[in-house]
Structures are given as C-alpha cells and as structure tokens.
C-alpha atoms as a PDB file:
ATOM      1  CA  MET A   1       8.253 -13.593  17.837  1.00  0.00           C
ATOM      2  CA  THR A   2       6.522 -11.837  14.981  1.00  0.00           C
ATOM      3  CA  THR A   3       5.647  -8.214  15.664  1.00  0.00           C
ATOM      4  CA  TYR A   4       2.659  -6.576  14.019  1.00  0.00           C
ATOM      5  CA  ILE A   5       3.175  -2.938  13.149  1.00  0.00           C
ATOM      6  CA  LEU A   6      -0.355  -1.621  12.877  1.00  0.00           C
ATOM      7  CA  GLN A   7      -1.548   1.425  11.071  1.00  0.00           C
ATOM      8  CA  ALA A   8      -3.028   2.343  14.405  1.00  0.00           C
ATOM      9  CA  LEU A   9      -5.295   5.193  13.400  1.00  0.00           C
ATOM     10  CA  ILE A  10      -7.070   2.996  10.860  1.00  0.00           C
ATOM     11  CA  LEU A  11      -7.267  -0.194  12.863  1.00  0.00           C
ATOM     12  CA  SER A  12      -8.413   1.402  16.107  1.00  0.00           C
ATOM     13  CA  ALA A  13     -11.420   2.945  14.379  1.00  0.00           C
ATOM     14  CA  ILE A  14     -12.379  -0.302  12.715  1.00  0.00           C
ATOM     15  CA  THR A  15     -12.017  -2.431  15.810  1.00  0.00           C
ATOM     16  CA  VAL A  16     -14.106  -0.051  17.895  1.00  0.00           C
ATOM     17  CA  SER A  17     -16.961  -0.405  15.423  1.00  0.00           C
ATOM     18  CA  ILE A  18     -16.511  -4.015  14.445  1.00  0.00           C
ATOM     19  CA  ALA A  19     -17.654  -5.597  17.691  1.00  0.00           C
ATOM     20  CA  ALA A  20     -21.030  -3.883  17.500  1.00  0.00           C
ATOM     21  CA  ALA A  21     -21.347  -4.317  13.754  1.00  0.00           C
ATOM     22  CA  VAL A  22     -20.949  -8.061  13.676  1.00  0.00           C
ATOM     23  CA  GLN A  23     -23.809  -8.524  16.097  1.00  0.00           C
ATOM     24  CA  THR A  24     -26.364  -7.734  13.418  1.00  0.00           C
ATOM     25  CA  PHE A  25     -24.596  -7.174  10.114  1.00  0.00           C
ATOM     26  CA  ASN A  26     -21.743  -8.857   8.318  1.00  0.00           C
ATOM     27  CA  ILE A  27     -18.553  -6.832   8.244  1.00  0.00           C
ATOM     28  CA  GLY A  28     -15.525  -8.527   6.781  1.00  0.00           C
ATOM     29  CA  VAL A  29     -12.117  -7.991   5.254  1.00  0.00           C
ATOM     30  CA  ASN A  30     -10.412  -8.943   2.024  1.00  0.00           C
ATOM     31  CA  TYR A  31      -7.264 -11.002   2.447  1.00  0.00           C
ATOM     32  CA  GLY A  32      -4.845 -10.516  -0.434  1.00  0.00           C
ATOM     33  CA  MET A  33      -1.571 -12.404  -0.490  1.00  0.00           C
ATOM     34  CA  LEU A  34       0.624 -10.495  -2.966  1.00  0.00           C
ATOM     35  CA  GLY A  35       3.323  -9.617  -0.466  1.00  0.00           C
ATOM     36  CA  ASP A  36       6.710 -11.017   0.410  1.00  0.00           C
ATOM     37  CA  ASP A  37       6.256 -10.405   4.138  1.00  0.00           C
ATOM     38  CA  MET A  38       2.928 -12.138   4.705  1.00  0.00           C
ATOM     39  CA  LEU A  39       2.043 -14.052   7.843  1.00  0.00           C
ATOM     40  CA  ASP A  40       1.109 -17.691   7.670  1.00  0.00           C
ATOM     41  CA  ALA A  41      -2.596 -18.429   7.497  1.00  0.00           C
ATOM     42  CA  ILE A  42      -2.831 -19.661  11.086  1.00  0.00           C
ATOM     43  CA  GLU A  43      -1.586 -16.287  12.352  1.00  0.00           C
ATOM     44  CA  VAL A  44      -3.998 -14.475  10.060  1.00  0.00           C
ATOM     45  CA  VAL A  45      -6.954 -16.380  11.493  1.00  0.00           C
ATOM     46  CA  LYS A  46      -5.739 -15.560  15.018  1.00  0.00           C
ATOM     47  CA  ILE A  47      -5.751 -11.853  14.125  1.00  0.00           C
ATOM     48  CA  LEU A  48      -9.265 -12.081  12.681  1.00  0.00           C
ATOM     49  CA  LYS A  49     -10.542 -13.730  15.842  1.00  0.00           C
ATOM     50  CA  MET A  50      -8.680 -11.245  18.049  1.00  0.00           C
ATOM     51  CA  TYR A  51     -10.516  -8.348  16.408  1.00  0.00           C
ATOM     52  CA  SER A  52     -13.875 -10.155  16.113  1.00  0.00           C
ATOM     53  CA  ILE A  53     -13.753 -10.089  12.308  1.00  0.00           C
ATOM     54  CA  ASP A  54     -16.095 -12.906  11.354  1.00  0.00           C
ATOM     55  CA  ASN A  55     -16.094 -12.634   7.565  1.00  0.00           C
ATOM     56  CA  LEU A  56     -13.198 -13.126   5.171  1.00  0.00           C
ATOM     57  CA  ARG A  57     -12.907 -12.850   1.415  1.00  0.00           C
ATOM     58  CA  ILE A  58     -10.159 -14.373  -0.721  1.00  0.00           C
ATOM     59  CA  LEU A  59      -9.943 -14.032  -4.488  1.00  0.00           C
ATOM     60  CA  ALA A  60      -8.919 -17.634  -5.158  1.00  0.00           C
ATOM     61  CA  PRO A  61      -8.609 -20.932  -3.291  1.00  0.00           C
ATOM     62  CA  ASP A  62      -5.652 -21.092  -0.930  1.00  0.00           C
ATOM     63  CA  HIS A  63      -5.419 -24.399   0.881  1.00  0.00           C
ATOM     64  CA  ALA A  64      -3.380 -23.028   3.771  1.00  0.00           C
ATOM     65  CA  THR A  65      -6.116 -20.486   4.455  1.00  0.00           C
ATOM     66  CA  LEU A  66      -8.859 -23.062   4.056  1.00  0.00           C
ATOM     67  CA  GLU A  67      -7.103 -25.347   6.539  1.00  0.00           C
ATOM     68  CA  ALA A  68      -6.620 -22.499   9.025  1.00  0.00           C
ATOM     69  CA  LEU A  69     -10.315 -21.616   8.840  1.00  0.00           C
ATOM     70  CA  ARG A  70     -11.461 -25.062   9.976  1.00  0.00           C
ATOM     71  CA  LYS A  71     -13.710 -24.775  13.066  1.00  0.00           C
ATOM     72  CA  SER A  72     -12.981 -21.022  13.281  1.00  0.00           C
ATOM     73  CA  ASN A  73     -16.623 -19.931  12.731  1.00  0.00           C
ATOM     74  CA  ILE A  74     -15.303 -17.312  10.308  1.00  0.00           C
ATOM     75  CA  LYS A  75     -17.461 -17.127   7.186  1.00  0.00           C
ATOM     76  CA  LEU A  76     -15.615 -17.301   3.876  1.00  0.00           C
ATOM     77  CA  CYS A  77     -16.329 -15.658   0.541  1.00  0.00           C
ATOM     78  CA  LEU A  78     -14.263 -17.726  -1.891  1.00  0.00           C
ATOM     79  CA  GLY A  79     -13.401 -16.585  -5.406  1.00  0.00           C
ATOM     80  CA  ILE A  80     -12.741 -18.481  -8.603  1.00  0.00           C
ATOM     81  CA  ARG A  81      -9.832 -17.022 -10.581  1.00  0.00           C
ATOM     82  CA  ASN A  82     -10.600 -15.341 -13.885  1.00  0.00           C
ATOM     83  CA  GLU A  83      -8.068 -17.454 -15.747  1.00  0.00           C
ATOM     84  CA  ASP A  84      -9.802 -20.643 -14.596  1.00  0.00           C
ATOM     85  CA  LEU A  85     -13.165 -19.699 -16.073  1.00  0.00           C
ATOM     86  CA  PRO A  86     -12.709 -20.857 -19.703  1.00  0.00           C
ATOM     87  CA  TYR A  87     -11.922 -24.460 -18.861  1.00  0.00           C
ATOM     88  CA  LEU A  88     -14.391 -24.648 -15.955  1.00  0.00           C
ATOM     89  CA  ALA A  89     -17.132 -23.428 -18.307  1.00  0.00           C
ATOM     90  CA  THR A  90     -16.406 -25.954 -21.029  1.00  0.00           C
ATOM     91  CA  ARG A  91     -15.297 -29.097 -19.206  1.00  0.00           C
ATOM     92  CA  GLN A  92     -17.583 -30.514 -16.550  1.00  0.00           C
ATOM     93  CA  LYS A  93     -14.781 -32.799 -15.390  1.00  0.00           C
ATOM     94  CA  ASP A  94     -12.666 -29.761 -14.485  1.00  0.00           C
ATOM     95  CA  MET A  95     -15.580 -28.145 -12.652  1.00  0.00           C
ATOM     96  CA  ASN A  96     -16.071 -31.317 -10.644  1.00  0.00           C
ATOM     97  CA  GLU A  97     -12.367 -31.458  -9.827  1.00  0.00           C
ATOM     98  CA  TRP A  98     -12.288 -27.799  -8.754  1.00  0.00           C
ATOM     99  CA  PHE A  99     -15.196 -28.431  -6.387  1.00  0.00           C
ATOM    100  CA  ALA A 100     -13.702 -31.667  -5.076  1.00  0.00           C
ATOM    101  CA  GLU A 101     -10.364 -30.004  -4.383  1.00  0.00           C
ATOM    102  CA  ASN A 102     -11.389 -26.594  -3.034  1.00  0.00           C
ATOM    103  CA  VAL A 103     -14.821 -26.937  -1.440  1.00  0.00           C
ATOM    104  CA  GLN A 104     -15.863 -30.496  -0.687  1.00  0.00           C
ATOM    105  CA  PRO A 105     -12.999 -31.360   1.736  1.00  0.00           C
ATOM    106  CA  TYR A 106     -13.767 -28.315   3.872  1.00  0.00           C
ATOM    107  CA  VAL A 107     -17.541 -27.983   4.006  1.00  0.00           C
ATOM    108  CA  GLU A 108     -17.902 -29.788   7.325  1.00  0.00           C
ATOM    109  CA  GLU A 109     -15.609 -27.347   9.146  1.00  0.00           C
ATOM    110  CA  VAL A 110     -15.465 -24.166   7.063  1.00  0.00           C
ATOM    111  CA  ILE A 111     -18.466 -21.860   6.655  1.00  0.00           C
ATOM    112  CA  PHE A 112     -18.707 -20.853   3.003  1.00  0.00           C
ATOM    113  CA  SER A 113     -20.998 -17.845   2.601  1.00  0.00           C
ATOM    114  CA  TYR A 114     -20.389 -17.079  -1.098  1.00  0.00           C
ATOM    115  CA  ILE A 115     -18.459 -18.473  -4.020  1.00  0.00           C
ATOM    116  CA  THR A 116     -17.811 -15.754  -6.581  1.00  0.00           C
ATOM    117  CA  VAL A 117     -17.265 -16.638 -10.212  1.00  0.00           C
ATOM    118  CA  GLY A 118     -14.691 -14.214 -11.588  1.00  0.00           C
ATOM    119  CA  HIS A 119     -13.542 -10.808 -10.426  1.00  0.00           C
ATOM    120  CA  GLU A 120     -14.495  -7.664 -12.362  1.00  0.00           C
ATOM    121  CA  THR A 121     -14.825  -9.730 -15.540  1.00  0.00           C
ATOM    122  CA  ILE A 122     -17.855  -7.895 -16.944  1.00  0.00           C
ATOM    123  CA  PRO A 123     -16.799  -6.492 -19.369  1.00  0.00           C
ATOM    124  CA  SER A 124     -13.833  -8.618 -20.437  1.00  0.00           C
ATOM    125  CA  ASP A 125     -13.022 -11.615 -22.597  1.00  0.00           C
ATOM    126  CA  TYR A 126     -13.975 -13.765 -19.608  1.00  0.00           C
ATOM    127  CA  ALA A 127     -17.552 -12.468 -19.452  1.00  0.00           C
ATOM    128  CA  PRO A 128     -19.104 -15.225 -21.638  1.00  0.00           C
ATOM    129  CA  PHE A 129     -17.885 -17.866 -19.193  1.00  0.00           C
ATOM    130  CA  ILE A 130     -19.459 -16.329 -16.076  1.00  0.00           C
ATOM    131  CA  LEU A 131     -22.996 -17.681 -16.367  1.00  0.00           C
ATOM    132  CA  PRO A 132     -22.088 -21.254 -17.431  1.00  0.00           C
ATOM    133  CA  VAL A 133     -19.717 -21.605 -14.473  1.00  0.00           C
ATOM    134  CA  MET A 134     -22.293 -20.142 -12.088  1.00  0.00           C
ATOM    135  CA  GLN A 135     -24.915 -22.579 -13.324  1.00  0.00           C
ATOM    136  CA  ASP A 136     -22.658 -25.633 -13.133  1.00  0.00           C
ATOM    137  CA  LEU A 137     -21.418 -24.666  -9.684  1.00  0.00           C
ATOM    138  CA  GLN A 138     -24.958 -24.139  -8.423  1.00  0.00           C
ATOM    139  CA  THR A 139     -25.917 -27.584  -9.719  1.00  0.00           C
ATOM    140  CA  LEU A 140     -22.943 -29.136  -7.915  1.00  0.00           C
ATOM    141  CA  LEU A 141     -23.758 -27.382  -4.651  1.00  0.00           C
ATOM    142  CA  HIS A 142     -27.388 -28.453  -4.872  1.00  0.00           C
ATOM    143  CA  SER A 143     -26.443 -32.058  -5.542  1.00  0.00           C
ATOM    144  CA  HIS A 144     -24.366 -32.025  -2.343  1.00  0.00           C
ATOM    145  CA  GLY A 145     -27.062 -30.368  -0.234  1.00  0.00           C
ATOM    146  CA  LEU A 146     -25.113 -27.092  -0.060  1.00  0.00           C
ATOM    147  CA  ASP A 147     -27.766 -24.633  -1.221  1.00  0.00           C
ATOM    148  CA  SER A 148     -26.892 -22.321   1.681  1.00  0.00           C
ATOM    149  CA  ILE A 149     -23.715 -21.365  -0.220  1.00  0.00           C
ATOM    150  CA  LYS A 150     -24.639 -18.539  -2.564  1.00  0.00           C
ATOM    151  CA  VAL A 151     -23.077 -18.314  -6.031  1.00  0.00           C
ATOM    152  CA  SER A 152     -22.444 -14.883  -7.525  1.00  0.00           C
ATOM    153  CA  THR A 153     -19.889 -12.746  -9.368  1.00  0.00           C
ATOM    154  CA  VAL A 154     -18.051  -9.509  -8.605  1.00  0.00           C
ATOM    155  CA  ILE A 155     -18.427  -6.418 -10.782  1.00  0.00           C
ATOM    156  CA  SER A 156     -17.196  -2.836 -10.678  1.00  0.00           C
ATOM    157  CA  THR A 157     -18.519   0.466 -11.990  1.00  0.00           C
ATOM    158  CA  ALA A 158     -16.894  -0.489 -15.302  1.00  0.00           C
ATOM    159  CA  SER A 159     -20.068  -2.518 -15.881  1.00  0.00           C
ATOM    160  CA  LEU A 160     -22.091   0.684 -15.926  1.00  0.00           C
ATOM    161  CA  GLY A 161     -22.504   2.901 -18.941  1.00  0.00           C
ATOM    162  CA  THR A 162     -23.607   5.839 -16.800  1.00  0.00           C
ATOM    163  CA  SER A 163     -23.514   6.146 -13.033  1.00  0.00           C
ATOM    164  CA  SER A 164     -23.967   9.821 -12.176  1.00  0.00           C
ATOM    165  CA  PRO A 165     -26.346  11.017 -10.971  1.00  0.00           C
ATOM    166  CA  PRO A 166     -27.463   7.678  -9.498  1.00  0.00           C
ATOM    167  CA  SER A 167     -30.850   7.687 -11.233  1.00  0.00           C
ATOM    168  CA  HIS A 168     -28.999   7.666 -14.573  1.00  0.00           C
ATOM    169  CA  GLY A 169     -27.337   4.388 -13.628  1.00  0.00           C
ATOM    170  CA  ILE A 170     -27.518   1.938 -16.496  1.00  0.00           C
ATOM    171  CA  PHE A 171     -25.497  -1.037 -17.674  1.00  0.00           C
ATOM    172  CA  SER A 172     -23.326  -0.325 -20.682  1.00  0.00           C
ATOM    173  CA  THR A 173     -24.183  -1.615 -24.142  1.00  0.00           C
ATOM    174  CA  GLU A 174     -21.216  -3.987 -23.859  1.00  0.00           C
ATOM    175  CA  THR A 175     -22.324  -5.500 -20.542  1.00  0.00           C
ATOM    176  CA  ARG A 176     -26.121  -5.330 -20.647  1.00  0.00           C
ATOM    177  CA  VAL A 177     -26.896  -8.764 -22.116  1.00  0.00           C
ATOM    178  CA  THR A 178     -24.467 -10.535 -19.803  1.00  0.00           C
ATOM    179  CA  MET A 179     -25.724  -8.631 -16.774  1.00  0.00           C
ATOM    180  CA  ILE A 180     -29.356  -9.482 -17.523  1.00  0.00           C
ATOM    181  CA  ASP A 181     -28.473 -13.182 -17.686  1.00  0.00           C
ATOM    182  CA  VAL A 182     -26.474 -12.957 -14.463  1.00  0.00           C
ATOM    183  CA  LEU A 183     -29.256 -11.083 -12.687  1.00  0.00           C
ATOM    184  CA  LYS A 184     -31.826 -13.673 -13.773  1.00  0.00           C
ATOM    185  CA  PHE A 185     -29.629 -16.336 -12.184  1.00  0.00           C
ATOM    186  CA  LEU A 186     -29.221 -14.312  -8.987  1.00  0.00           C
ATOM    187  CA  LYS A 187     -32.943 -13.665  -8.715  1.00  0.00           C
ATOM    188  CA  ASN A 188     -33.789 -17.331  -9.244  1.00  0.00           C
ATOM    189  CA  THR A 189     -31.284 -18.457  -6.608  1.00  0.00           C
ATOM    190  CA  ASN A 190     -31.989 -15.612  -4.171  1.00  0.00           C
ATOM    191  CA  SER A 191     -28.336 -14.592  -4.308  1.00  0.00           C
ATOM    192  CA  PRO A 192     -26.843 -11.081  -4.128  1.00  0.00           C
ATOM    193  CA  LEU A 193     -24.708  -9.272  -6.664  1.00  0.00           C
ATOM    194  CA  LEU A 194     -21.248  -8.400  -5.346  1.00  0.00           C
ATOM    195  CA  ILE A 195     -20.007  -4.926  -6.231  1.00  0.00           C
ATOM    196  CA  ASN A 196     -16.725  -3.095  -5.687  1.00  0.00           C
ATOM    197  CA  VAL A 197     -17.188   0.504  -4.555  1.00  0.00           C
ATOM    198  CA  TYR A 198     -14.218   2.889  -4.548  1.00  0.00           C
ATOM    199  CA  PRO A 199     -14.889   6.619  -4.075  1.00  0.00           C
ATOM    200  CA  TYR A 200     -11.117   7.099  -3.799  1.00  0.00           C
ATOM    201  CA  PHE A 201     -10.572   6.428  -7.497  1.00  0.00           C
ATOM    202  CA  VAL A 202     -13.276   8.925  -8.474  1.00  0.00           C
ATOM    203  CA  VAL A 203     -11.519  11.645  -6.472  1.00  0.00           C
ATOM    204  CA  ALA A 204      -8.080  10.629  -7.723  1.00  0.00           C
ATOM    205  CA  GLU A 205      -9.273  10.941 -11.317  1.00  0.00           C
ATOM    206  CA  ASP A 206     -10.680  14.452 -10.824  1.00  0.00           C
ATOM    207  CA  PRO A 207      -9.470  15.970  -7.529  1.00  0.00           C
ATOM    208  CA  VAL A 208     -10.349  19.500  -8.606  1.00  0.00           C
ATOM    209  CA  ASN A 209     -14.047  18.951  -9.262  1.00  0.00           C
ATOM    210  CA  VAL A 210     -14.918  16.083  -6.890  1.00  0.00           C
ATOM    211  CA  ARG A 211     -15.348  17.063  -3.266  1.00  0.00           C
ATOM    212  CA  LEU A 212     -13.077  15.144  -0.935  1.00  0.00           C
ATOM    213  CA  ASP A 213     -15.521  15.311   1.981  1.00  0.00           C
ATOM    214  CA  TYR A 214     -18.204  13.764  -0.259  1.00  0.00           C
ATOM    215  CA  ALA A 215     -15.895  10.803  -0.895  1.00  0.00           C
ATOM    216  CA  LEU A 216     -14.803  10.473   2.751  1.00  0.00           C
ATOM    217  CA  PHE A 217     -18.326  10.439   4.278  1.00  0.00           C
ATOM    218  CA  THR A 218     -17.665  13.758   6.053  1.00  0.00           C
ATOM    219  CA  ALA A 219     -19.801  16.209   4.065  1.00  0.00           C
ATOM    220  CA  LYS A 220     -22.311  18.050   6.266  1.00  0.00           C
ATOM    221  CA  ASP A 221     -24.537  19.242   3.437  1.00  0.00           C
ATOM    222  CA  VAL A 222     -26.279  17.603   0.499  1.00  0.00           C
ATOM    223  CA  VAL A 223     -23.728  17.313  -2.299  1.00  0.00           C
ATOM    224  CA  VAL A 224     -25.840  15.605  -4.962  1.00  0.00           C
ATOM    225  CA  LYS A 225     -29.571  16.155  -5.327  1.00  0.00           C
ATOM    226  CA  ASP A 226     -31.107  13.554  -7.609  1.00  0.00           C
ATOM    227  CA  GLY A 227     -34.845  14.131  -7.937  1.00  0.00           C
ATOM    228  CA  ASN A 228     -36.230  13.651  -4.448  1.00  0.00           C
ATOM    229  CA  LEU A 229     -33.117  11.773  -3.271  1.00  0.00           C
ATOM    230  CA  SER A 230     -30.313  13.516  -1.400  1.00  0.00           C
ATOM    231  CA  TYR A 231     -26.725  12.299  -1.189  1.00  0.00           C
ATOM    232  CA  TYR A 232     -24.238  13.298   1.474  1.00  0.00           C
ATOM    233  CA  ASN A 233     -21.650  10.702   0.466  1.00  0.00           C
ATOM    234  CA  MET A 234     -20.419   9.161  -2.761  1.00  0.00           C
ATOM    235  CA  PHE A 235     -20.563   5.607  -1.424  1.00  0.00           C
ATOM    236  CA  GLU A 236     -24.368   5.642  -1.296  1.00  0.00           C
ATOM    237  CA  ALA A 237     -24.544   7.311  -4.699  1.00  0.00           C
ATOM    238  CA  ILE A 238     -22.441   4.568  -6.302  1.00  0.00           C
ATOM    239  CA  VAL A 239     -24.450   1.786  -4.658  1.00  0.00           C
ATOM    240  CA  ASP A 240     -27.688   3.401  -5.797  1.00  0.00           C
ATOM    241  CA  SER A 241     -26.418   3.682  -9.367  1.00  0.00           C
ATOM    242  CA  PHE A 242     -26.217  -0.131  -9.371  1.00  0.00           C
ATOM    243  CA  PHE A 243     -29.722  -0.363  -7.865  1.00  0.00           C
ATOM    244  CA  TRP A 244     -31.062   1.935 -10.586  1.00  0.00           C
ATOM    245  CA  ALA A 245     -29.302  -0.033 -13.336  1.00  0.00           C
ATOM    246  CA  MET A 246     -30.760  -3.307 -12.057  1.00  0.00           C
ATOM    247  CA  GLU A 247     -34.233  -1.836 -11.674  1.00  0.00           C
ATOM    248  CA  LYS A 248     -34.233  -0.580 -15.270  1.00  0.00           C
ATOM    249  CA  GLU A 249     -33.744  -4.186 -16.371  1.00  0.00           C
ATOM    250  CA  GLY A 250     -36.599  -5.376 -14.149  1.00  0.00           C
ATOM    251  CA  PHE A 251     -34.559  -6.558 -11.163  1.00  0.00           C
ATOM    252  CA  ASN A 252     -35.588  -4.491  -8.173  1.00  0.00           C
ATOM    253  CA  ASP A 253     -35.308  -7.323  -5.665  1.00  0.00           C
ATOM    254  CA  VAL A 254     -31.688  -8.463  -6.124  1.00  0.00           C
ATOM    255  CA  GLU A 255     -29.592  -7.424  -3.151  1.00  0.00           C
ATOM    256  CA  VAL A 256     -25.984  -6.301  -3.229  1.00  0.00           C
ATOM    257  CA  VAL A 257     -22.938  -7.080  -1.123  1.00  0.00           C
ATOM    258  CA  ILE A 258     -20.020  -4.647  -1.064  1.00  0.00           C
ATOM    259  CA  SER A 259     -17.198  -7.005  -1.940  1.00  0.00           C
ATOM    260  CA  GLU A 260     -14.522  -4.303  -1.737  1.00  0.00           C
ATOM    261  CA  SER A 261     -14.291  -0.769  -0.428  1.00  0.00           C
ATOM    262  CA  GLY A 262     -11.401   1.071   1.122  1.00  0.00           C
ATOM    263  CA  TRP A 263      -8.938   3.966   0.914  1.00  0.00           C
ATOM    264  CA  PRO A 264      -5.150   3.839   0.483  1.00  0.00           C
ATOM    265  CA  SER A 265      -2.920   5.289   3.194  1.00  0.00           C
ATOM    266  CA  ALA A 266      -0.027   6.208   0.865  1.00  0.00           C
ATOM    267  CA  GLY A 267       0.991   6.493  -2.755  1.00  0.00           C
ATOM    268  CA  ASN A 268      -0.739   9.620  -4.069  1.00  0.00           C
ATOM    269  CA  GLY A 269       0.399  12.596  -2.038  1.00  0.00           C
ATOM    270  CA  ASN A 270      -2.137  14.396   0.106  1.00  0.00           C
ATOM    271  CA  LEU A 271      -5.023  12.240  -1.178  1.00  0.00           C
ATOM    272  CA  THR A 272      -3.616   9.135   0.502  1.00  0.00           C
ATOM    273  CA  THR A 273      -2.765   9.623   4.142  1.00  0.00           C
ATOM    274  CA  PRO A 274      -3.281   7.293   7.112  1.00  0.00           C
ATOM    275  CA  GLU A 275      -5.789   9.808   8.482  1.00  0.00           C
ATOM    276  CA  MET A 276      -7.876   9.656   5.295  1.00  0.00           C
ATOM    277  CA  ALA A 277      -7.750   5.869   5.263  1.00  0.00           C
ATOM    278  CA  TYR A 278      -8.833   5.912   8.895  1.00  0.00           C
ATOM    279  CA  THR A 279     -11.719   8.274   8.146  1.00  0.00           C
ATOM    280  CA  TYR A 280     -13.005   6.329   5.158  1.00  0.00           C
ATOM    281  CA  ASN A 281     -12.793   2.872   6.704  1.00  0.00           C
ATOM    282  CA  TYR A 282     -14.274   4.030   9.997  1.00  0.00           C
ATOM    283  CA  HIS A 283     -17.299   5.565   8.281  1.00  0.00           C
ATOM    284  CA  PHE A 284     -17.618   2.656   5.868  1.00  0.00           C
ATOM    285  CA  VAL A 285     -17.925   0.237   8.787  1.00  0.00           C
ATOM    286  CA  ARG A 286     -20.441   2.485  10.533  1.00  0.00           C
ATOM    287  CA  ARG A 287     -22.378   2.972   7.305  1.00  0.00           C
ATOM    288  CA  VAL A 288     -22.761  -0.749   6.674  1.00  0.00           C
ATOM    289  CA  GLN A 289     -24.199  -1.159  10.164  1.00  0.00           C
ATOM    290  CA  ASN A 290     -27.219   0.878   9.131  1.00  0.00           C
ATOM    291  CA  LEU A 291     -30.027  -0.093   6.807  1.00  0.00           C
ATOM    292  CA  GLY A 292     -30.509   1.205   3.341  1.00  0.00           C
ATOM    293  CA  THR A 293     -29.561   3.855   0.854  1.00  0.00           C
ATOM    294  CA  PRO A 294     -31.614   6.814  -0.392  1.00  0.00           C
ATOM    295  CA  LYS A 295     -32.876   4.611  -3.250  1.00  0.00           C
ATOM    296  CA  ARG A 296     -33.578   1.531  -1.094  1.00  0.00           C
ATOM    297  CA  PRO A 297     -34.014   2.664   2.516  1.00  0.00           C
ATOM    298  CA  GLN A 298     -34.817  -0.842   3.767  1.00  0.00           C
ATOM    299  CA  ALA A 299     -31.971  -2.650   2.025  1.00  0.00           C
ATOM    300  CA  SER A 300     -29.457  -4.403   4.245  1.00  0.00           C
ATOM    301  CA  LEU A 301     -25.819  -4.069   3.267  1.00  0.00           C
ATOM    302  CA  GLU A 302     -22.920  -6.393   3.866  1.00  0.00           C
ATOM    303  CA  GLY A 303     -19.414  -5.121   3.345  1.00  0.00           C
ATOM    304  CA  PHE A 304     -15.806  -6.249   3.078  1.00  0.00           C
ATOM    305  CA  ILE A 305     -13.058  -3.739   3.808  1.00  0.00           C
ATOM    306  CA  TYR A 306     -10.281  -3.698   1.259  1.00  0.00           C
ATOM    307  CA  GLU A 307      -8.032  -4.952   2.740  1.00  0.00           C
ATOM    308  CA  LEU A 308      -6.410  -6.731   5.693  1.00  0.00           C
ATOM    309  CA  PHE A 309      -2.720  -6.283   4.812  1.00  0.00           C
ATOM    310  CA  ASN A 310      -0.669  -4.024   2.584  1.00  0.00           C
ATOM    311  CA  GLU A 311       0.592  -6.023  -0.394  1.00  0.00           C
ATOM    312  CA  ASN A 312       4.038  -4.894  -1.503  1.00  0.00           C
ATOM    313  CA  ARG A 313       3.987  -6.929  -4.721  1.00  0.00           C
ATOM    314  CA  LYS A 314       1.005  -5.089  -6.198  1.00  0.00           C
ATOM    315  CA  GLY A 315       1.546  -3.010  -9.324  1.00  0.00           C
ATOM    316  CA  THR A 316       1.447   0.571  -8.018  1.00  0.00           C
ATOM    317  CA  THR A 317       2.281   2.244  -4.740  1.00  0.00           C
ATOM    318  CA  VAL A 318      -1.369   3.127  -4.214  1.00  0.00           C
ATOM    319  CA  GLU A 319      -2.439  -0.481  -4.783  1.00  0.00           C
ATOM    320  CA  GLN A 320       0.141  -1.599  -2.248  1.00  0.00           C
ATOM    321  CA  ASN A 321      -1.278   0.572   0.544  1.00  0.00           C
ATOM    322  CA  PHE A 322      -4.928  -0.348   1.116  1.00  0.00           C
ATOM    323  CA  GLY A 323      -4.181  -2.546   4.116  1.00  0.00           C
ATOM    324  CA  ILE A 324      -5.485  -1.796   7.581  1.00  0.00           C
ATOM    325  CA  MET A 325      -2.367  -3.435   8.973  1.00  0.00           C
ATOM    326  CA  TYR A 326       0.911  -4.862   7.827  1.00  0.00           C
ATOM    327  CA  PRO A 327       3.286  -7.434   9.312  1.00  0.00           C
ATOM    328  CA  LYS A 328       7.009  -6.932   9.790  1.00  0.00           C
END
C-alpha cells in the first residue's frame, strides 16, 4: 500500500484553512508531474477530495488526470503548452483537433473553470500567438455552448517594466502592445487575467535588503507606504502592481486569479525551510479568503497554491521543493 509522507507542518495549516475557504472562495492547487515517484491520477483525485481541495490546475492536458476527474466535482484550470501555440494559432484544423481531443470528450463530466493559453509567455517568442489562440478557442467554446469556460493566459512579473512601489506598476515596452490586446479580449469576455506571484524569489534575489517578514505575511508594521496605501505584505503589493499596470492602460475592471504562489521548503539554506513554507502557504490561503487589496478593497481573489507534490525532475533543488506533500 502506498504511504504518503507529508510535509506535516505545511499540510496541516492548509487543510485547517481549506475547509472554510472553499465555502466562499476558490482555493486550489497546482499539480505538476515532473517527478519519477508520482502517484497515479486516481490516487491524486482521492487526496484532493480527502482534503476538500475543489480546484486543480495543470499546465497541459493529461488524459489520465482528465479521466480521473470525471464526476469528481473538482474544477479544472487546464493549460495549453507553450510549444503548441505556433501551430494552434496558424492552423484551424489543429485547434479543432486539440479541442476535440482534450476538452470535448470530458465536458459532460469534468468541470472546466479556465483554459489558459500559454504559461509566462509574455514576453517571449510565443507572445504573438497568444491572442489568436485565445480568440479561436473562445469561438470554439461558444459554438459548443461552453461560454462558462473562461479563456485566459498566465503571466508573471516579467511582464512588468516597473512593479515597486505598486503605484509605479506598468507593463514593459516589450509587453505593452500584447498585454493591451490580451486585456481587451479579457474585458470583452468577462474573463480574469492569471498571474503568478512569488515573494520568495524577490527575497532570494536580495535577502539583505528585502524583509523576510514582509514576504512571509508576518510583518506587524507597515513596510511599504505608497501614497495613501499601506502594505504589510509583499503579496498584496505585487498583486496591486498588476492592478495599477492594467488601470494605466484603461482596464480597471479586469479581475485577476493567482495561478501560482508558494514557498519552497528546501534548496536555499535558511530561506527555504519547512516552517517558512508552512507560514507562507498558511497565510496565503487565509489571505485569499478575504476580499481585496489596498488598491482594490472589494476585489475577490482566487488562488492556486504552488504546488501539490515535490517534483524531483525539476531543474534546481529549490524548484523541486515547492510541494505541500510528496509520495514515497
């Protein structure tokens, strides 16, 4: 019988909060599969249901996972791989086949919440393909009566030219035109923008000058004062930098979903301990339960913890240790 060795400090905090959180807000997890000790998809779905985790995100179609999710009532955020974008954008036949293979057979029994076109592709060589694929996919969904499935893309702070303080948030010269087109699409379809938010990497880049408690949600005093807005944690500051950047382009009514946020439990000395991962994930879950940010106090936030399992085939030790549990 398979035994699950849990990173108990992290998981206990999340599971205490998750039951209350899912009553009113969507809290989910990312499910990466780059490990040589992964469970089969049926066992993964059992774990999600055991801990009342009702939202799952995968970066690309995986038919075993899609099959396991049938009749589970777990909502799925499904990604389209970056490398698939060029041919999906230029050949309608391939777009139709992708939909027919990865969405259409499952829509009666799997709840698709979002389909995301590309992952952190703005800026990149894939950026020009984002909007055409989004448009074609939206047309396909509409033609099948599936307008409840929202089409979006996932970006990171690399899309921003400036992000600190939050009110200086602006899209970079390289990304601005693409982001305006994407935001027009999102506004017209009433879809959110998905953003990856990682205070850990900000601290890791400058541990001397960036306060650890500000990154871990534990600061007791205002760390950043931005006009009349006060920030006790970096998470809210990063989210607001995206809100400011969108508002400066005339999009103050596009919502955001936190597609990834988490903290590694190993790999970088005393910045990556199980206790720190516990603290960050616990407060992240609690934070997403509450409305708003200093910039948008009434905004509702959805969030996906990064991630469900450690992935021992990732590139660096830090990247391998974001999981809230790992199988053995």
